[in-house]
Amino acid sequence: MVIDEAAQAKQDLARIKAEVKTVELKNSATKTTTAALNGLNSLLGNNMLNRLEKENKELRNEVEELNGQIGRLYAYMQKMKDNTQGK
């Protein structure tokens, strides 16, 4: 009877060790996957951020150019107004 209990205890211990090993492997796989996804997100996020910054700079340049055109148009309109009033 003591032998049966000892054999049962050994089986239980072996089963528990196997379960612990399985859990450790799952945790390791989860950590590896998480690290890979974080790296991917970081890479994609940086690329997206760089693209948005570039687009923002281009838009600012367009706004400056349009503001310059508006200023020249106002000056031209004022010149035309002055010419028509002087006649």
Foldseek 3Di string as FASTA:
>chain_A
DVVVVVVVVVVVVVVVVVVVVVVVVVVVVVVVVVVVVVVVCVVVVVVVVVVVVVVVVVVVVVVVVVVVVVVVVVVVVVVVVVVVVVD
